[in-house]
Amino acid sequence: MLNPELKRVIQTLNAASRKGGKAIWGALAEELDKSKRSRVIVNLSKISRHTEAGDVVAVPGKVLAAGSLSHPVTVAAYSFSEGAREKIAGADSRAISLLDLLEEGVEPSRIKILK
């Protein structure tokens, strides 16, 4: 059983995928719709290794604080640990929700999905 907030995020991403024809939103919704055990967990060290300054990253799950960011990026995720939010802010980066990323209208080709 999904919590109401997660269900709303999944429905909104699926609707955006159908409406705009952008497969990335459907892919994120599909990953979020998995069981909690199977949901993605990404550490900041992985984000730092796989990105460059100015990149936009989408994590269909939770971002944890292990590691650090060495350059500014925008990180969109379903949830963040408090430590991760602090470290992201400390690296002049942004931590936003997946729905905020959708609303900002970032070109899907610029978004990297990390799992």
PDB file of N, CA and C in Angstrom:
ATOM      1  N   MET A   1       0.845  -1.182   0.000  1.00  0.00           N
ATOM      2  CA  MET A   1       0.000   0.000   0.000  1.00  0.00           C
ATOM      3  C   MET A   1       0.886   1.239   0.000  1.00  0.00           C
ATOM      4  N   LEU A   2       0.624   2.145  -0.902  1.00  0.00           N
ATOM      5  CA  LEU A   2       1.425   3.350  -1.031  1.00  0.00           C
ATOM      6  C   LEU A   2       0.886   4.453  -0.140  1.00  0.00           C
ATOM      7  N   ASN A   3       1.796   5.277   0.355  1.00  0.00           N
ATOM      8  CA  ASN A   3       1.315   6.421   1.104  1.00  0.00           C
ATOM      9  C   ASN A   3       0.734   7.433   0.108  1.00  0.00           C
ATOM     10  N   PRO A   4      -0.190   8.273   0.568  1.00  0.00           N
ATOM     11  CA  PRO A   4      -0.881   9.189  -0.355  1.00  0.00           C
ATOM     12  C   PRO A   4       0.046  10.147  -1.099  1.00  0.00           C
ATOM     13  N   GLU A   5       1.104  10.596  -0.455  1.00  0.00           N
ATOM     14  CA  GLU A   5       2.034  11.523  -1.112  1.00  0.00           C
ATOM     15  C   GLU A   5       2.766  10.826  -2.249  1.00  0.00           C
ATOM     16  N   LEU A   6       3.252   9.624  -2.010  1.00  0.00           N
ATOM     17  CA  LEU A   6       3.950   8.863  -3.041  1.00  0.00           C
ATOM     18  C   LEU A   6       3.006   8.562  -4.204  1.00  0.00           C
ATOM     19  N   LYS A   7       1.798   8.191  -3.888  1.00  0.00           N
ATOM     20  CA  LYS A   7       0.807   7.898  -4.923  1.00  0.00           C
ATOM     21  C   LYS A   7       0.556   9.128  -5.805  1.00  0.00           C
ATOM     22  N   ARG A   8       0.474  10.306  -5.177  1.00  0.00           N
ATOM     23  CA  ARG A   8       0.262  11.551  -5.918  1.00  0.00           C
ATOM     24  C   ARG A   8       1.447  11.854  -6.839  1.00  0.00           C
ATOM     25  N   VAL A   9       2.655  11.651  -6.344  1.00  0.00           N
ATOM     26  CA  VAL A   9       3.858  11.893  -7.156  1.00  0.00           C
ATOM     27  C   VAL A   9       3.867  10.959  -8.361  1.00  0.00           C
ATOM     28  N   ILE A  10       3.585   9.675  -8.139  1.00  0.00           N
ATOM     29  CA  ILE A  10       3.572   8.702  -9.236  1.00  0.00           C
ATOM     30  C   ILE A  10       2.521   9.071 -10.272  1.00  0.00           C
ATOM     31  N   GLN A  11       1.321   9.420  -9.834  1.00  0.00           N
ATOM     32  CA  GLN A  11       0.246   9.781 -10.761  1.00  0.00           C
ATOM     33  C   GLN A  11       0.601  11.030 -11.561  1.00  0.00           C
ATOM     34  N   THR A  12       1.196  12.022 -10.909  1.00  0.00           N
ATOM     35  CA  THR A  12       1.573  13.258 -11.590  1.00  0.00           C
ATOM     36  C   THR A  12       2.659  13.010 -12.634  1.00  0.00           C
ATOM     37  N   LEU A  13       3.650  12.190 -12.285  1.00  0.00           N
ATOM     38  CA  LEU A  13       4.713  11.881 -13.239  1.00  0.00           C
ATOM     39  C   LEU A  13       4.177  11.078 -14.426  1.00  0.00           C
ATOM     40  N   ASN A  14       3.304  10.124 -14.157  1.00  0.00           N
ATOM     41  CA  ASN A  14       2.700   9.351 -15.247  1.00  0.00           C
ATOM     42  C   ASN A  14       1.872  10.244 -16.166  1.00  0.00           C
ATOM     43  N   ALA A  15       1.121  11.162 -15.586  1.00  0.00           N
ATOM     44  CA  ALA A  15       0.308  12.079 -16.389  1.00  0.00           C
ATOM     45  C   ALA A  15       1.191  12.962 -17.261  1.00  0.00           C
ATOM     46  N   ALA A  16       2.297  13.439 -16.705  1.00  0.00           N
ATOM     47  CA  ALA A  16       3.223  14.274 -17.481  1.00  0.00           C
ATOM     48  C   ALA A  16       3.832  13.482 -18.625  1.00  0.00           C
ATOM     49  N   SER A  17       4.103  12.213 -18.394  1.00  0.00           N
ATOM     50  CA  SER A  17       4.665  11.365 -19.439  1.00  0.00           C
ATOM     51  C   SER A  17       3.674  11.169 -20.579  1.00  0.00           C
ATOM     52  N   ARG A  18       2.427  10.906 -20.230  1.00  0.00           N
ATOM     53  CA  ARG A  18       1.397  10.716 -21.256  1.00  0.00           C
ATOM     54  C   ARG A  18       1.096  12.013 -21.989  1.00  0.00           C
ATOM     55  N   LYS A  19       0.995  13.098 -21.257  1.00  0.00           N
ATOM     56  CA  LYS A  19       0.614  14.392 -21.841  1.00  0.00           C
ATOM     57  C   LYS A  19       1.724  14.949 -22.740  1.00  0.00           C
ATOM     58  N   GLY A  20       2.932  14.951 -22.225  1.00  0.00           N
ATOM     59  CA  GLY A  20       4.042  15.574 -22.951  1.00  0.00           C
ATOM     60  C   GLY A  20       4.818  14.635 -23.839  1.00  0.00           C
ATOM     61  N   GLY A  21       4.565  13.340 -23.713  1.00  0.00           N
ATOM     62  CA  GLY A  21       5.299  12.387 -24.531  1.00  0.00           C
ATOM     63  C   GLY A  21       6.753  12.221 -24.126  1.00  0.00           C
ATOM     64  N   LYS A  22       7.103  12.632 -22.934  1.00  0.00           N
ATOM     65  CA  LYS A  22       8.482  12.525 -22.453  1.00  0.00           C
ATOM     66  C   LYS A  22       8.612  11.278 -21.585  1.00  0.00           C
ATOM     67  N   ALA A  23       9.328  10.295 -22.055  1.00  0.00           N
ATOM     68  CA  ALA A  23       9.432   8.997 -21.390  1.00  0.00           C
ATOM     69  C   ALA A  23      10.130   9.065 -20.033  1.00  0.00           C
ATOM     70  N   ILE A  24      10.940  10.080 -19.809  1.00  0.00           N
ATOM     71  CA  ILE A  24      11.692  10.157 -18.550  1.00  0.00           C
ATOM     72  C   ILE A  24      10.766  10.211 -17.341  1.00  0.00           C
ATOM     73  N   TRP A  25       9.650  10.908 -17.464  1.00  0.00           N
ATOM     74  CA  TRP A  25       8.725  11.027 -16.332  1.00  0.00           C
ATOM     75  C   TRP A  25       8.071   9.681 -16.033  1.00  0.00           C
ATOM     76  N   GLY A  26       7.749   8.927 -17.057  1.00  0.00           N
ATOM     77  CA  GLY A  26       7.192   7.592 -16.864  1.00  0.00           C
ATOM     78  C   GLY A  26       8.206   6.637 -16.252  1.00  0.00           C
ATOM     79  N   ALA A  27       9.463   6.768 -16.654  1.00  0.00           N
ATOM     80  CA  ALA A  27      10.520   5.923 -16.095  1.00  0.00           C
ATOM     81  C   ALA A  27      10.712   6.209 -14.607  1.00  0.00           C
ATOM     82  N   LEU A  28      10.664   7.483 -14.229  1.00  0.00           N
ATOM     83  CA  LEU A  28      10.787   7.836 -12.811  1.00  0.00           C
ATOM     84  C   LEU A  28       9.596   7.302 -12.022  1.00  0.00           C
ATOM     85  N   ALA A  29       8.387   7.430 -12.575  1.00  0.00           N
ATOM     86  CA  ALA A  29       7.183   6.935 -11.909  1.00  0.00           C
ATOM     87  C   ALA A  29       7.249   5.419 -11.728  1.00  0.00           C
ATOM     88  N   GLU A  30       7.737   4.724 -12.743  1.00  0.00           N
ATOM     89  CA  GLU A  30       7.842   3.263 -12.676  1.00  0.00           C
ATOM     90  C   GLU A  30       8.799   2.836 -11.567  1.00  0.00           C
ATOM     91  N   GLU A  31       9.924   3.524 -11.436  1.00  0.00           N
ATOM     92  CA  GLU A  31      10.880   3.209 -10.371  1.00  0.00           C
ATOM     93  C   GLU A  31      10.288   3.481  -8.986  1.00  0.00           C
ATOM     94  N   LEU A  32       9.541   4.567  -8.858  1.00  0.00           N
ATOM     95  CA  LEU A  32       8.934   4.898  -7.568  1.00  0.00           C
ATOM     96  C   LEU A  32       7.827   3.928  -7.191  1.00  0.00           C
ATOM     97  N   ASP A  33       7.222   3.296  -8.178  1.00  0.00           N
ATOM     98  CA  ASP A  33       6.093   2.404  -7.930  1.00  0.00           C
ATOM     99  C   ASP A  33       6.531   1.023  -7.446  1.00  0.00           C
ATOM    100  N   LYS A  34       7.807   0.798  -7.305  1.00  0.00           N
ATOM    101  CA  LYS A  34       8.309  -0.474  -6.793  1.00  0.00           C
ATOM    102  C   LYS A  34       8.104  -0.548  -5.279  1.00  0.00           C
ATOM    103  N   SER A  35       8.238  -1.752  -4.742  1.00  0.00           N
ATOM    104  CA  SER A  35       8.105  -1.911  -3.291  1.00  0.00           C
ATOM    105  C   SER A  35       9.212  -1.119  -2.592  1.00  0.00           C
ATOM    106  N   LYS A  36       8.969  -0.789  -1.339  1.00  0.00           N
ATOM    107  CA  LYS A  36       9.929   0.032  -0.589  1.00  0.00           C
ATOM    108  C   LYS A  36      11.301  -0.651  -0.517  1.00  0.00           C
ATOM    109  N   ARG A  37      11.320  -1.949  -0.429  1.00  0.00           N
ATOM    110  CA  ARG A  37      12.582  -2.690  -0.389  1.00  0.00           C
ATOM    111  C   ARG A  37      13.394  -2.527  -1.662  1.00  0.00           C
ATOM    112  N   SER A  38      12.692  -2.385  -2.771  1.00  0.00           N
ATOM    113  CA  SER A  38      13.360  -2.304  -4.070  1.00  0.00           C
ATOM    114  C   SER A  38      13.644  -0.875  -4.513  1.00  0.00           C
ATOM    115  N   ARG A  39      13.164   0.083  -3.753  1.00  0.00           N
ATOM    116  CA  ARG A  39      13.321   1.474  -4.156  1.00  0.00           C
ATOM    117  C   ARG A  39      14.780   1.906  -4.080  1.00  0.00           C
ATOM    118  N   VAL A  40      15.140   2.832  -4.906  1.00  0.00           N
ATOM    119  CA  VAL A  40      16.516   3.301  -5.065  1.00  0.00           C
ATOM    120  C   VAL A  40      16.973   4.122  -3.860  1.00  0.00           C
ATOM    121  N   ILE A  41      18.213   3.871  -3.445  1.00  0.00           N
ATOM    122  CA  ILE A  41      18.885   4.680  -2.426  1.00  0.00           C
ATOM    123  C   ILE A  41      20.244   5.054  -3.003  1.00  0.00           C
ATOM    124  N   VAL A  42      20.543   6.357  -3.055  1.00  0.00           N
ATOM    125  CA  VAL A  42      21.790   6.838  -3.652  1.00  0.00           C
ATOM    126  C   VAL A  42      22.516   7.719  -2.641  1.00  0.00           C
ATOM    127  N   ASN A  43      23.819   7.502  -2.525  1.00  0.00           N
ATOM    128  CA  ASN A  43      24.648   8.335  -1.662  1.00  0.00           C
ATOM    129  C   ASN A  43      25.202   9.523  -2.445  1.00  0.00           C
ATOM    130  N   LEU A  44      25.556  10.581  -1.730  1.00  0.00           N
ATOM    131  CA  LEU A  44      26.122  11.766  -2.369  1.00  0.00           C
ATOM    132  C   LEU A  44      27.426  11.447  -3.100  1.00  0.00           C
ATOM    133  N   SER A  45      28.187  10.489  -2.596  1.00  0.00           N
ATOM    134  CA  SER A  45      29.444  10.132  -3.268  1.00  0.00           C
ATOM    135  C   SER A  45      29.186   9.637  -4.692  1.00  0.00           C
ATOM    136  N   LYS A  46      28.119   8.870  -4.892  1.00  0.00           N
ATOM    137  CA  LYS A  46      27.783   8.383  -6.235  1.00  0.00           C
ATOM    138  C   LYS A  46      27.359   9.537  -7.133  1.00  0.00           C
ATOM    139  N   ILE A  47      26.585  10.465  -6.582  1.00  0.00           N
ATOM    140  CA  ILE A  47      26.164  11.630  -7.363  1.00  0.00           C
ATOM    141  C   ILE A  47      27.386  12.427  -7.788  1.00  0.00           C
ATOM    142  N   SER A  48      28.328  12.613  -6.883  1.00  0.00           N
ATOM    143  CA  SER A  48      29.537  13.374  -7.188  1.00  0.00           C
ATOM    144  C   SER A  48      30.377  12.686  -8.271  1.00  0.00           C
ATOM    145  N   ARG A  49      30.475  11.359  -8.219  1.00  0.00           N
ATOM    146  CA  ARG A  49      31.274  10.610  -9.200  1.00  0.00           C
ATOM    147  C   ARG A  49      30.680  10.656 -10.604  1.00  0.00           C
ATOM    148  N   HIS A  50      29.362  10.663 -10.704  1.00  0.00           N
ATOM    149  CA  HIS A  50      28.710  10.515 -12.007  1.00  0.00           C
ATOM    150  C   HIS A  50      28.167  11.820 -12.593  1.00  0.00           C
ATOM    151  N   THR A  51      28.529  12.948 -12.017  1.00  0.00           N
ATOM    152  CA  THR A  51      28.039  14.232 -12.530  1.00  0.00           C
ATOM    153  C   THR A  51      29.175  15.220 -12.698  1.00  0.00           C
ATOM    154  N   GLU A  52      28.849  16.296 -13.398  1.00  0.00           N
ATOM    155  CA  GLU A  52      29.758  17.434 -13.537  1.00  0.00           C
ATOM    156  C   GLU A  52      29.028  18.674 -13.063  1.00  0.00           C
ATOM    157  N   ALA A  53      29.737  19.755 -12.907  1.00  0.00           N
ATOM    158  CA  ALA A  53      29.142  21.006 -12.448  1.00  0.00           C
ATOM    159  C   ALA A  53      27.990  21.417 -13.363  1.00  0.00           C
ATOM    160  N   GLY A  54      26.871  21.765 -12.761  1.00  0.00           N
ATOM    161  CA  GLY A  54      25.712  22.236 -13.511  1.00  0.00           C
ATOM    162  C   GLY A  54      24.754  21.147 -13.960  1.00  0.00           C
ATOM    163  N   ASP A  55      25.073  19.878 -13.713  1.00  0.00           N
ATOM    164  CA  ASP A  55      24.182  18.783 -14.115  1.00  0.00           C
ATOM    165  C   ASP A  55      22.905  18.779 -13.289  1.00  0.00           C
ATOM    166  N   VAL A  56      21.882  18.152 -13.849  1.00  0.00           N
ATOM    167  CA  VAL A  56      20.607  17.953 -13.165  1.00  0.00           C
ATOM    168  C   VAL A  56      20.422  16.446 -13.010  1.00  0.00           C
ATOM    169  N   VAL A  57      20.236  16.004 -11.765  1.00  0.00           N
ATOM    170  CA  VAL A  57      20.139  14.583 -11.446  1.00  0.00           C
ATOM    171  C   VAL A  57      18.770  14.286 -10.860  1.00  0.00           C
ATOM    172  N   ALA A  58      18.159  13.186 -11.306  1.00  0.00           N
ATOM    173  CA  ALA A  58      16.896  12.724 -10.741  1.00  0.00           C
ATOM    174  C   ALA A  58      17.131  11.368 -10.084  1.00  0.00           C
ATOM    175  N   VAL A  59      16.711  11.239  -8.830  1.00  0.00           N
ATOM    176  CA  VAL A  59      16.850   9.989  -8.083  1.00  0.00           C
ATOM    177  C   VAL A  59      15.443   9.515  -7.725  1.00  0.00           C
ATOM    178  N   PRO A  60      14.995   8.399  -8.298  1.00  0.00           N
ATOM    179  CA  PRO A  60      13.656   7.907  -7.992  1.00  0.00           C
ATOM    180  C   PRO A  60      13.636   7.133  -6.677  1.00  0.00           C
ATOM    181  N   GLY A  61      13.989   7.811  -5.619  1.00  0.00           N
ATOM    182  CA  GLY A  61      14.066   7.203  -4.298  1.00  0.00           C
ATOM    183  C   GLY A  61      14.620   8.204  -3.312  1.00  0.00           C
ATOM    184  N   LYS A  62      15.543   7.736  -2.469  1.00  0.00           N
ATOM    185  CA  LYS A  62      16.078   8.576  -1.394  1.00  0.00           C
ATOM    186  C   LYS A  62      17.559   8.860  -1.602  1.00  0.00           C
ATOM    187  N   VAL A  63      17.970  10.071  -1.228  1.00  0.00           N
ATOM    188  CA  VAL A  63      19.379  10.472  -1.269  1.00  0.00           C
ATOM    189  C   VAL A  63      19.895  10.495   0.172  1.00  0.00           C
ATOM    190  N   LEU A  64      21.009   9.800   0.400  1.00  0.00           N
ATOM    191  CA  LEU A  64      21.623   9.748   1.726  1.00  0.00           C
ATOM    192  C   LEU A  64      22.918  10.549   1.738  1.00  0.00           C
ATOM    193  N   ALA A  65      23.407  10.858   2.941  1.00  0.00           N
ATOM    194  CA  ALA A  65      24.511  11.800   3.111  1.00  0.00           C
ATOM    195  C   ALA A  65      25.907  11.197   3.032  1.00  0.00           C
ATOM    196  N   ALA A  66      26.057   9.925   2.758  1.00  0.00           N
ATOM    197  CA  ALA A  66      27.398   9.331   2.699  1.00  0.00           C
ATOM    198  C   ALA A  66      28.184   9.944   1.553  1.00  0.00           C
ATOM    199  N   GLY A  67      29.349  10.461   1.864  1.00  0.00           N
ATOM    200  CA  GLY A  67      30.178  11.119   0.859  1.00  0.00           C
ATOM    201  C   GLY A  67      29.933  12.614   0.842  1.00  0.00           C
ATOM    202  N   SER A  68      30.391  13.248  -0.225  1.00  0.00           N
ATOM    203  CA  SER A  68      30.210  14.698  -0.344  1.00  0.00           C
ATOM    204  C   SER A  68      30.126  15.075  -1.814  1.00  0.00           C
ATOM    205  N   LEU A  69      29.654  16.277  -2.062  1.00  0.00           N
ATOM    206  CA  LEU A  69      29.598  16.811  -3.416  1.00  0.00           C
ATOM    207  C   LEU A  69      30.774  17.750  -3.612  1.00  0.00           C
ATOM    208  N   SER A  70      31.463  17.606  -4.726  1.00  0.00           N
ATOM    209  CA  SER A  70      32.622  18.449  -4.983  1.00  0.00           C
ATOM    210  C   SER A  70      32.320  19.558  -5.992  1.00  0.00           C
ATOM    211  N   HIS A  71      31.088  19.608  -6.488  1.00  0.00           N
ATOM    212  CA  HIS A  71      30.705  20.614  -7.477  1.00  0.00           C
ATOM    213  C   HIS A  71      29.191  20.866  -7.372  1.00  0.00           C
ATOM    214  N   PRO A  72      28.739  22.020  -7.854  1.00  0.00           N
ATOM    215  CA  PRO A  72      27.315  22.337  -7.751  1.00  0.00           C
ATOM    216  C   PRO A  72      26.479  21.576  -8.782  1.00  0.00           C
ATOM    217  N   VAL A  73      25.414  20.938  -8.297  1.00  0.00           N
ATOM    218  CA  VAL A  73      24.459  20.225  -9.143  1.00  0.00           C
ATOM    219  C   VAL A  73      23.057  20.453  -8.595  1.00  0.00           C
ATOM    220  N   THR A  74      22.068  20.138  -9.384  1.00  0.00           N
ATOM    221  CA  THR A  74      20.693  20.139  -8.915  1.00  0.00           C
ATOM    222  C   THR A  74      20.287  18.692  -8.737  1.00  0.00           C
ATOM    223  N   VAL A  75      19.863  18.340  -7.532  1.00  0.00           N
ATOM    224  CA  VAL A  75      19.471  16.975  -7.218  1.00  0.00           C
ATOM    225  C   VAL A  75      17.978  16.949  -6.927  1.00  0.00           C
ATOM    226  N   ALA A  76      17.235  16.207  -7.729  1.00  0.00           N
ATOM    227  CA  ALA A  76      15.804  16.025  -7.510  1.00  0.00           C
ATOM    228  C   ALA A  76      15.584  14.588  -7.068  1.00  0.00           C
ATOM    229  N   ALA A  77      14.823  14.398  -5.997  1.00  0.00           N
ATOM    230  CA  ALA A  77      14.574  13.062  -5.481  1.00  0.00           C
ATOM    231  C   ALA A  77      13.223  13.021  -4.788  1.00  0.00           C
ATOM    232  N   TYR A  78      12.760  11.795  -4.526  1.00  0.00           N
ATOM    233  CA  TYR A  78      11.513  11.661  -3.778  1.00  0.00           C
ATOM    234  C   TYR A  78      11.734  12.091  -2.332  1.00  0.00           C
ATOM    235  N   SER A  79      12.885  11.720  -1.748  1.00  0.00           N
ATOM    236  CA  SER A  79      13.176  12.147  -0.376  1.00  0.00           C
ATOM    237  C   SER A  79      14.677  12.269  -0.165  1.00  0.00           C
ATOM    238  N   PHE A  80      15.030  13.013   0.872  1.00  0.00           N
ATOM    239  CA  PHE A  80      16.424  13.267   1.237  1.00  0.00           C
ATOM    240  C   PHE A  80      16.574  13.055   2.736  1.00  0.00           C
ATOM    241  N   SER A  81      17.737  12.558   3.164  1.00  0.00           N
ATOM    242  CA  SER A  81      18.024  12.564   4.594  1.00  0.00           C
ATOM    243  C   SER A  81      18.395  14.001   4.970  1.00  0.00           C
ATOM    244  N   GLU A  82      18.271  14.333   6.220  1.00  0.00           N
ATOM    245  CA  GLU A  82      18.609  15.698   6.663  1.00  0.00           C
ATOM    246  C   GLU A  82      20.074  16.004   6.380  1.00  0.00           C
ATOM    247  N   GLY A  83      20.949  15.031   6.633  1.00  0.00           N
ATOM    248  CA  GLY A  83      22.373  15.226   6.367  1.00  0.00           C
ATOM    249  C   GLY A  83      22.654  15.493   4.898  1.00  0.00           C
ATOM    250  N   ALA A  84      21.928  14.791   4.030  1.00  0.00           N
ATOM    251  CA  ALA A  84      22.114  14.997   2.592  1.00  0.00           C
ATOM    252  C   ALA A  84      21.694  16.406   2.199  1.00  0.00           C
ATOM    253  N   ARG A  85      20.573  16.863   2.721  1.00  0.00           N
ATOM    254  CA  ARG A  85      20.120  18.239   2.419  1.00  0.00           C
ATOM    255  C   ARG A  85      21.171  19.264   2.836  1.00  0.00           C
ATOM    256  N   GLU A  86      21.747  19.069   4.020  1.00  0.00           N
ATOM    257  CA  GLU A  86      22.763  20.006   4.522  1.00  0.00           C
ATOM    258  C   GLU A  86      24.015  19.994   3.642  1.00  0.00           C
ATOM    259  N   LYS A  87      24.470  18.822   3.266  1.00  0.00           N
ATOM    260  CA  LYS A  87      25.679  18.726   2.435  1.00  0.00           C
ATOM    261  C   LYS A  87      25.434  19.272   1.028  1.00  0.00           C
ATOM    262  N   ILE A  88      24.257  19.048   0.495  1.00  0.00           N
ATOM    263  CA  ILE A  88      23.930  19.575  -0.822  1.00  0.00           C
ATOM    264  C   ILE A  88      23.926  21.099  -0.785  1.00  0.00           C
ATOM    265  N   ALA A  89      23.303  21.668   0.236  1.00  0.00           N
ATOM    266  CA  ALA A  89      23.279  23.124   0.375  1.00  0.00           C
ATOM    267  C   ALA A  89      24.690  23.667   0.579  1.00  0.00           C
ATOM    268  N   GLY A  90      25.523  22.942   1.315  1.00  0.00           N
ATOM    269  CA  GLY A  90      26.897  23.359   1.569  1.00  0.00           C
ATOM    270  C   GLY A  90      27.769  23.348   0.322  1.00  0.00           C
ATOM    271  N   ALA A  91      27.372  22.601  -0.689  1.00  0.00           N
ATOM    272  CA  ALA A  91      28.141  22.524  -1.936  1.00  0.00           C
ATOM    273  C   ALA A  91      27.575  23.474  -2.990  1.00  0.00           C
ATOM    274  N   ASP A  92      26.788  24.455  -2.577  1.00  0.00           N
ATOM    275  CA  ASP A  92      26.137  25.407  -3.490  1.00  0.00           C
ATOM    276  C   ASP A  92      25.270  24.684  -4.523  1.00  0.00           C
ATOM    277  N   SER A  93      24.684  23.576  -4.102  1.00  0.00           N
ATOM    278  CA  SER A  93      23.804  22.793  -4.961  1.00  0.00           C
ATOM    279  C   SER A  93      22.368  22.940  -4.481  1.00  0.00           C
ATOM    280  N   ARG A  94      21.445  22.354  -5.235  1.00  0.00           N
ATOM    281  CA  ARG A  94      20.023  22.438  -4.879  1.00  0.00           C
ATOM    282  C   ARG A  94      19.452  21.049  -4.678  1.00  0.00           C
ATOM    283  N   ALA A  95      18.645  20.901  -3.631  1.00  0.00           N
ATOM    284  CA  ALA A  95      17.897  19.667  -3.370  1.00  0.00           C
ATOM    285  C   ALA A  95      16.423  19.997  -3.554  1.00  0.00           C
ATOM    286  N   ILE A  96      15.801  19.395  -4.575  1.00  0.00           N
ATOM    287  CA  ILE A  96      14.395  19.676  -4.865  1.00  0.00           C
ATOM    288  C   ILE A  96      13.639  18.359  -5.040  1.00  0.00           C
ATOM    289  N   SER A  97      12.322  18.442  -4.982  1.00  0.00           N
ATOM    290  CA  SER A  97      11.502  17.258  -5.186  1.00  0.00           C
ATOM    291  C   SER A  97      11.383  16.960  -6.678  1.00  0.00           C
ATOM    292  N   LEU A  98      10.966  15.748  -6.995  1.00  0.00           N
ATOM    293  CA  LEU A  98      10.767  15.376  -8.399  1.00  0.00           C
ATOM    294  C   LEU A  98       9.670  16.222  -9.037  1.00  0.00           C
ATOM    295  N   LEU A  99       8.632  16.563  -8.263  1.00  0.00           N
ATOM    296  CA  LEU A  99       7.552  17.397  -8.799  1.00  0.00           C
ATOM    297  C   LEU A  99       8.034  18.813  -9.076  1.00  0.00           C
ATOM    298  N   ASP A 100       8.930  19.323  -8.230  1.00  0.00           N
ATOM    299  CA  ASP A 100       9.508  20.647  -8.481  1.00  0.00           C
ATOM    300  C   ASP A 100      10.326  20.631  -9.777  1.00  0.00           C
ATOM    301  N   LEU A 101      11.046  19.539 -10.002  1.00  0.00           N
ATOM    302  CA  LEU A 101      11.817  19.397 -11.244  1.00  0.00           C
ATOM    303  C   LEU A 101      10.887  19.408 -12.450  1.00  0.00           C
ATOM    304  N   LEU A 102       9.782  18.711 -12.344  1.00  0.00           N
ATOM    305  CA  LEU A 102       8.795  18.676 -13.420  1.00  0.00           C
ATOM    306  C   LEU A 102       8.232  20.068 -13.679  1.00  0.00           C
ATOM    307  N   GLU A 103       7.894  20.777 -12.614  1.00  0.00           N
ATOM    308  CA  GLU A 103       7.316  22.122 -12.734  1.00  0.00           C
ATOM    309  C   GLU A 103       8.304  23.138 -13.290  1.00  0.00           C
ATOM    310  N   GLU A 104       9.598  22.953 -13.025  1.00  0.00           N
ATOM    311  CA  GLU A 104      10.603  23.893 -13.523  1.00  0.00           C
ATOM    312  C   GLU A 104      10.773  23.810 -15.033  1.00  0.00           C
ATOM    313  N   GLY A 105      10.290  22.743 -15.629  1.00  0.00           N
ATOM    314  CA  GLY A 105      10.354  22.618 -17.079  1.00  0.00           C
ATOM    315  C   GLY A 105      11.748  22.359 -17.618  1.00  0.00           C
ATOM    316  N   VAL A 106      12.580  21.680 -16.845  1.00  0.00           N
ATOM    317  CA  VAL A 106      13.926  21.345 -17.306  1.00  0.00           C
ATOM    318  C   VAL A 106      13.809  20.400 -18.497  1.00  0.00           C
ATOM    319  N   GLU A 107      14.584  20.653 -19.524  1.00  0.00           N
ATOM    320  CA  GLU A 107      14.568  19.809 -20.715  1.00  0.00           C
ATOM    321  C   GLU A 107      14.976  18.387 -20.309  1.00  0.00           C
ATOM    322  N   PRO A 108      14.132  17.392 -20.579  1.00  0.00           N
ATOM    323  CA  PRO A 108      14.426  16.017 -20.157  1.00  0.00           C
ATOM    324  C   PRO A 108      15.782  15.489 -20.628  1.00  0.00           C
ATOM    325  N   SER A 109      16.291  15.961 -21.737  1.00  0.00           N
ATOM    326  CA  SER A 109      17.588  15.484 -22.225  1.00  0.00           C
ATOM    327  C   SER A 109      18.735  15.937 -21.304  1.00  0.00           C
ATOM    328  N   ARG A 110      18.502  16.924 -20.457  1.00  0.00           N
ATOM    329  CA  ARG A 110      19.527  17.405 -19.521  1.00  0.00           C
ATOM    330  C   ARG A 110      19.538  16.625 -18.210  1.00  0.00           C
ATOM    331  N   ILE A 111      18.508  15.812 -17.980  1.00  0.00           N
ATOM    332  CA  ILE A 111      18.354  15.133 -16.696  1.00  0.00           C
ATOM    333  C   ILE A 111      19.012  13.761 -16.731  1.00  0.00           C
ATOM    334  N   LYS A 112      19.830  13.490 -15.712  1.00  0.00           N
ATOM    335  CA  LYS A 112      20.441  12.171 -15.545  1.00  0.00           C
ATOM    336  C   LYS A 112      19.696  11.446 -14.437  1.00  0.00           C
ATOM    337  N   ILE A 113      19.251  10.222 -14.716  1.00  0.00           N
ATOM    338  CA  ILE A 113      18.623   9.409 -13.683  1.00  0.00           C
ATOM    339  C   ILE A 113      19.716   8.540 -13.052  1.00  0.00           C
ATOM    340  N   LEU A 114      19.838   8.620 -11.731  1.00  0.00           N
ATOM    341  CA  LEU A 114      20.803   7.790 -11.018  1.00  0.00           C
ATOM    342  C   LEU A 114      20.064   6.769 -10.193  1.00  0.00           C
ATOM    343  N   LYS A 115      20.518   5.518 -10.301  1.00  0.00           N
ATOM    344  CA  LYS A 115      19.924   4.431  -9.512  1.00  0.00           C
ATOM    345  C   LYS A 115      21.010   3.743  -8.724  1.00  0.00           C
TER     346      LYS A 115
END
